[in-house]
Amino acid sequence: MTIRIARPGLLAAALLGAPLSSCISVKAPDKPIEINLNVTIRQEVLVRLQRDVEQLINQNPQAFPPKKP
C-alpha cells in the first residue's frame, strides 16, 4: 500500500512553518506614527503664488512687457 501526497511542497512548508508561528508577535509602537505632509503644503503654496503672479502681470502689463521672438 502506497500513500501519495498531492502537494509535497505545501506539506513541507506547513511542517517547517509550524514552529515559527509562535515567534511572531504584533505590538503597538512606543512612539506615535508621524506622517510628514510638507510636500502637499508646498505644492499648494506654489500654485497660489503662481496664480498671484499671473494676476499681477495681467493687472500691470507695462511693468512686464511680453518677450519678443
Protein backbone atom coordinates (compact mmCIF):
# COMPACT_ATOMS: atom_id res chain seq x y z
CA MET A 1 0.00 0.00 0.00
CA THR A 2 1.48 3.34 -1.13
CA ILE A 3 0.31 6.77 0.08
CA ARG A 4 0.71 9.51 -2.49
CA ILE A 5 0.84 13.16 -1.37
CA ALA A 6 -0.67 15.52 -3.94
CA ARG A 7 1.39 18.59 -2.98
CA PRO A 8 4.55 17.68 -1.08
CA GLY A 9 5.83 21.30 -1.17
CA LEU A 10 2.77 22.57 0.64
CA LEU A 11 3.10 19.88 3.28
CA ALA A 12 6.80 20.70 3.76
CA ALA A 13 6.06 24.42 4.12
CA ALA A 14 3.38 23.71 6.71
CA LEU A 15 5.66 21.44 8.72
CA LEU A 16 8.57 23.89 8.63
CA GLY A 17 6.39 26.92 9.32
CA ALA A 18 4.62 25.47 12.36
CA PRO A 19 7.50 26.05 14.83
CA LEU A 20 8.00 29.60 13.56
CA SER A 21 4.39 30.64 14.11
CA SER A 22 4.93 31.08 17.84
CA CYS A 23 7.81 33.55 17.23
CA ILE A 24 5.67 36.19 15.53
CA SER A 25 4.37 38.94 17.80
CA VAL A 26 2.48 42.12 16.98
CA LYS A 27 2.53 45.08 19.33
CA ALA A 28 1.84 48.80 19.11
CA PRO A 29 4.85 51.10 18.69
CA ASP A 30 6.10 53.09 21.68
CA LYS A 31 6.18 56.37 19.74
CA PRO A 32 3.25 57.78 17.75
CA ILE A 33 3.41 57.38 13.98
CA GLU A 34 4.41 60.64 12.28
CA ILE A 35 3.34 61.39 8.72
CA ASN A 36 5.16 64.24 7.01
CA LEU A 37 2.89 66.24 4.66
CA ASN A 38 5.27 69.09 3.80
CA VAL A 39 5.23 68.21 0.09
CA THR A 40 1.47 68.69 -0.25
CA ILE A 41 1.52 72.02 1.57
CA ARG A 42 4.44 73.29 -0.50
CA GLN A 43 2.69 72.44 -3.77
CA GLU A 44 -0.40 74.33 -2.66
CA VAL A 45 1.68 77.41 -1.77
CA LEU A 46 3.44 77.32 -5.16
CA VAL A 47 0.12 77.14 -7.01
CA ARG A 48 -1.23 80.10 -5.04
CA LEU A 49 1.92 82.13 -5.72
CA GLN A 50 1.73 81.30 -9.42
CA ARG A 51 -1.88 82.50 -9.58
CA ASP A 52 -0.97 85.70 -7.73
CA VAL A 53 1.90 86.37 -10.14
CA GLU A 54 -0.33 85.79 -13.17
CA GLN A 55 -2.87 88.28 -11.78
CA LEU A 56 -0.11 90.81 -11.09
CA ILE A 57 1.23 90.52 -14.65
CA ASN A 58 -2.26 90.88 -16.13
CA GLN A 59 -3.00 93.95 -13.97
CA ASN A 60 0.33 95.65 -14.82
CA PRO A 61 1.23 94.81 -18.43
CA GLN A 62 3.54 97.85 -18.72
CA ALA A 63 5.71 96.56 -15.87
CA PHE A 64 6.05 93.15 -17.51
CA PRO A 65 6.30 93.57 -21.30
CA PRO A 66 5.96 90.38 -23.35
CA LYS A 67 9.14 88.84 -24.74
CA LYS A 68 9.83 89.46 -28.41
CA PRO A 69 10.69 86.41 -30.51
